[in-house]
Amino acid sequence: MPNEVEVGPASEMTPGTVKRAGRYAVGNADGERFAVTRRCRHLRGDLANGSIDEAGCLVCPWHGAKYDVRTGRMVLGPQGVFAKIPGFGSIQKALTLVFPLGRGRVVERDDTLYVE
């Protein structure tokens, strides 16, 4: 397909895995595969280097912002020093109500994953 990005073997996308595929961070949150655009809305950290938390959220590796991978919306604002700024996390979360992370659809063909 012309607008697809190959992710890799489906067998390597085990729960908790996040990897880079073109402009997407592709992962497996509790058995559900997802693809969201790679740049955190806070300071554009690469979400492909992030992790999946116990709630199935994608966690930014830079400042710990968390995203719902089904909607692309931030559910927890940046942590660390940024969490101490009154209202900062709320502003960041509100931004993703209007501008959530982009999402792609993960498909499997012949044991290979692709993002459409």
C-alpha atoms as a PDB file:
ATOM      1  CA  MET A   1       0.000   0.000   0.000  1.00  0.00           C
ATOM      2  CA  PRO A   2       1.404   3.432  -0.884  1.00  0.00           C
ATOM      3  CA  ASN A   3       0.795   5.252   2.430  1.00  0.00           C
ATOM      4  CA  GLU A   4       1.904   2.474   4.746  1.00  0.00           C
ATOM      5  CA  VAL A   5       4.909   2.395   7.032  1.00  0.00           C
ATOM      6  CA  GLU A   6       6.406  -0.979   7.918  1.00  0.00           C
ATOM      7  CA  VAL A   7       6.804  -1.522  11.660  1.00  0.00           C
ATOM      8  CA  GLY A   8       8.390  -4.977  11.732  1.00  0.00           C
ATOM      9  CA  PRO A   9       7.576  -8.539  12.778  1.00  0.00           C
ATOM     10  CA  ALA A  10       4.335  -8.886  14.737  1.00  0.00           C
ATOM     11  CA  SER A  11       6.066 -11.347  17.065  1.00  0.00           C
ATOM     12  CA  GLU A  12       8.348  -8.540  18.310  1.00  0.00           C
ATOM     13  CA  MET A  13       5.446  -6.264  19.319  1.00  0.00           C
ATOM     14  CA  THR A  14       4.892  -7.794  22.752  1.00  0.00           C
ATOM     15  CA  PRO A  15       2.914  -5.999  25.504  1.00  0.00           C
ATOM     16  CA  GLY A  16       4.838  -2.975  26.781  1.00  0.00           C
ATOM     17  CA  THR A  17       6.833  -2.538  23.571  1.00  0.00           C
ATOM     18  CA  VAL A  18       7.124   0.872  21.881  1.00  0.00           C
ATOM     19  CA  LYS A  19       9.091   1.415  18.679  1.00  0.00           C
ATOM     20  CA  ARG A  20       9.584   3.981  15.937  1.00  0.00           C
ATOM     21  CA  ALA A  21       7.969   3.616  12.517  1.00  0.00           C
ATOM     22  CA  GLY A  22       8.352   6.725  10.397  1.00  0.00           C
ATOM     23  CA  ARG A  23       6.402   9.546  12.023  1.00  0.00           C
ATOM     24  CA  TYR A  24       4.702   7.155  14.461  1.00  0.00           C
ATOM     25  CA  ALA A  25       5.377   5.672  17.875  1.00  0.00           C
ATOM     26  CA  VAL A  26       3.909   2.180  17.574  1.00  0.00           C
ATOM     27  CA  GLY A  27       3.272   0.029  20.602  1.00  0.00           C
ATOM     28  CA  ASN A  28       1.371  -2.638  22.414  1.00  0.00           C
ATOM     29  CA  ALA A  29      -0.614  -1.534  25.475  1.00  0.00           C
ATOM     30  CA  ASP A  30      -2.048  -4.582  27.226  1.00  0.00           C
ATOM     31  CA  GLY A  31      -2.435  -6.497  23.955  1.00  0.00           C
ATOM     32  CA  GLU A  32      -3.866  -3.540  22.011  1.00  0.00           C
ATOM     33  CA  ARG A  33      -1.596  -2.300  19.241  1.00  0.00           C
ATOM     34  CA  PHE A  34      -1.542   1.446  18.613  1.00  0.00           C
ATOM     35  CA  ALA A  35       0.161   4.075  16.486  1.00  0.00           C
ATOM     36  CA  VAL A  36       0.351   7.749  17.483  1.00  0.00           C
ATOM     37  CA  THR A  37       2.492  10.556  16.131  1.00  0.00           C
ATOM     38  CA  ARG A  38       5.878  10.580  17.818  1.00  0.00           C
ATOM     39  CA  ARG A  39       6.240  14.096  19.203  1.00  0.00           C
ATOM     40  CA  CYS A  40       5.058  15.009  22.697  1.00  0.00           C
ATOM     41  CA  ARG A  41       2.926  18.151  22.778  1.00  0.00           C
ATOM     42  CA  HIS A  42       5.026  19.583  25.612  1.00  0.00           C
ATOM     43  CA  LEU A  43       8.578  19.967  24.226  1.00  0.00           C
ATOM     44  CA  ARG A  44       8.361  17.519  21.314  1.00  0.00           C
ATOM     45  CA  GLY A  45      10.129  14.633  23.046  1.00  0.00           C
ATOM     46  CA  ASP A  46      10.256  11.461  20.948  1.00  0.00           C
ATOM     47  CA  LEU A  47       7.451   9.243  22.221  1.00  0.00           C
ATOM     48  CA  ALA A  48       8.963   6.266  20.380  1.00  0.00           C
ATOM     49  CA  ASN A  49      11.537   6.266  23.200  1.00  0.00           C
ATOM     50  CA  GLY A  50       8.759   6.262  25.796  1.00  0.00           C
ATOM     51  CA  SER A  51       7.190   3.482  27.806  1.00  0.00           C
ATOM     52  CA  ILE A  52       3.778   2.020  28.574  1.00  0.00           C
ATOM     53  CA  ASP A  53       2.578   2.444  32.171  1.00  0.00           C
ATOM     54  CA  GLU A  54       0.355   0.071  34.166  1.00  0.00           C
ATOM     55  CA  ALA A  55      -2.780   1.894  32.926  1.00  0.00           C
ATOM     56  CA  GLY A  56      -1.802   1.385  29.271  1.00  0.00           C
ATOM     57  CA  CYS A  57      -0.791   5.027  28.716  1.00  0.00           C
ATOM     58  CA  LEU A  58       2.203   6.081  26.633  1.00  0.00           C
ATOM     59  CA  VAL A  59       4.674   7.970  28.840  1.00  0.00           C
ATOM     60  CA  CYS A  60       6.965  10.635  27.394  1.00  0.00           C
ATOM     61  CA  PRO A  61      10.621   9.848  28.185  1.00  0.00           C
ATOM     62  CA  TRP A  62      11.534  13.505  28.782  1.00  0.00           C
ATOM     63  CA  HIS A  63       9.116  14.801  31.429  1.00  0.00           C
ATOM     64  CA  GLY A  64       6.653  11.983  32.091  1.00  0.00           C
ATOM     65  CA  ALA A  65       3.542  13.348  30.360  1.00  0.00           C
ATOM     66  CA  LYS A  66       1.071  10.507  29.752  1.00  0.00           C
ATOM     67  CA  TYR A  67      -1.144   9.941  26.719  1.00  0.00           C
ATOM     68  CA  ASP A  68      -4.233   7.834  26.180  1.00  0.00           C
ATOM     69  CA  VAL A  69      -3.186   5.867  23.087  1.00  0.00           C
ATOM     70  CA  ARG A  70      -6.813   5.361  21.978  1.00  0.00           C
ATOM     71  CA  THR A  71      -7.565   9.093  21.746  1.00  0.00           C
ATOM     72  CA  GLY A  72      -4.142  10.763  21.501  1.00  0.00           C
ATOM     73  CA  ARG A  73      -5.049  13.043  24.420  1.00  0.00           C
ATOM     74  CA  MET A  74      -2.743  13.852  27.312  1.00  0.00           C
ATOM     75  CA  VAL A  75      -4.091  12.461  30.570  1.00  0.00           C
ATOM     76  CA  LEU A  76      -1.271  13.669  32.829  1.00  0.00           C
ATOM     77  CA  GLY A  77       0.763  16.794  32.190  1.00  0.00           C
ATOM     78  CA  PRO A  78       4.550  17.023  32.312  1.00  0.00           C
ATOM     79  CA  GLN A  79       6.085  16.041  35.639  1.00  0.00           C
ATOM     80  CA  GLY A  80       9.206  17.114  37.511  1.00  0.00           C
ATOM     81  CA  VAL A  81       9.754  20.865  37.733  1.00  0.00           C
ATOM     82  CA  PHE A  82       6.874  21.436  35.276  1.00  0.00           C
ATOM     83  CA  ALA A  83       4.392  19.825  37.680  1.00  0.00           C
ATOM     84  CA  LYS A  84       5.140  22.592  40.187  1.00  0.00           C
ATOM     85  CA  ILE A  85       3.926  25.374  37.863  1.00  0.00           C
ATOM     86  CA  PRO A  86       0.264  26.084  38.758  1.00  0.00           C
ATOM     87  CA  GLY A  87      -2.072  25.276  35.876  1.00  0.00           C
ATOM     88  CA  PHE A  88       0.705  24.210  33.490  1.00  0.00           C
ATOM     89  CA  GLY A  89      -0.402  20.565  33.257  1.00  0.00           C
ATOM     90  CA  SER A  90      -4.020  21.605  32.772  1.00  0.00           C
ATOM     91  CA  ILE A  91      -3.059  23.874  29.892  1.00  0.00           C
ATOM     92  CA  GLN A  92      -1.049  21.097  28.252  1.00  0.00           C
ATOM     93  CA  LYS A  93      -3.918  18.614  28.649  1.00  0.00           C
ATOM     94  CA  ALA A  94      -6.423  21.134  27.287  1.00  0.00           C
ATOM     95  CA  LEU A  95      -4.227  21.630  24.224  1.00  0.00           C
ATOM     96  CA  THR A  96      -4.606  17.940  23.371  1.00  0.00           C
ATOM     97  CA  LEU A  97      -8.391  18.214  23.519  1.00  0.00           C
ATOM     98  CA  VAL A  98      -8.096  20.415  20.443  1.00  0.00           C
ATOM     99  CA  PHE A  99      -4.867  18.975  19.025  1.00  0.00           C
ATOM    100  CA  PRO A 100      -4.533  15.337  20.099  1.00  0.00           C
ATOM    101  CA  LEU A 101      -1.670  13.223  18.845  1.00  0.00           C
ATOM    102  CA  GLY A 102      -2.317  11.932  15.357  1.00  0.00           C
ATOM    103  CA  ARG A 103      -3.241   8.275  15.142  1.00  0.00           C
ATOM    104  CA  GLY A 104      -2.636   5.583  12.604  1.00  0.00           C
ATOM    105  CA  ARG A 105      -4.147   2.150  12.210  1.00  0.00           C
ATOM    106  CA  VAL A 106      -1.909  -0.854  12.851  1.00  0.00           C
ATOM    107  CA  VAL A 107      -2.530  -3.794  10.511  1.00  0.00           C
ATOM    108  CA  GLU A 108      -0.881  -7.205  10.283  1.00  0.00           C
ATOM    109  CA  ARG A 109      -0.114  -9.055   7.069  1.00  0.00           C
ATOM    110  CA  ASP A 110       2.040 -12.183   6.871  1.00  0.00           C
ATOM    111  CA  ASP A 111       3.355 -11.685  10.458  1.00  0.00           C
ATOM    112  CA  THR A 112       4.472  -8.132   9.611  1.00  0.00           C
ATOM    113  CA  LEU A 113       2.937  -4.993  11.126  1.00  0.00           C
ATOM    114  CA  TYR A 114       2.240  -1.827   9.167  1.00  0.00           C
ATOM    115  CA  VAL A 115       0.777   1.574  10.028  1.00  0.00           C
ATOM    116  CA  GLU A 116      -1.818   2.996   7.676  1.00  0.00           C
END
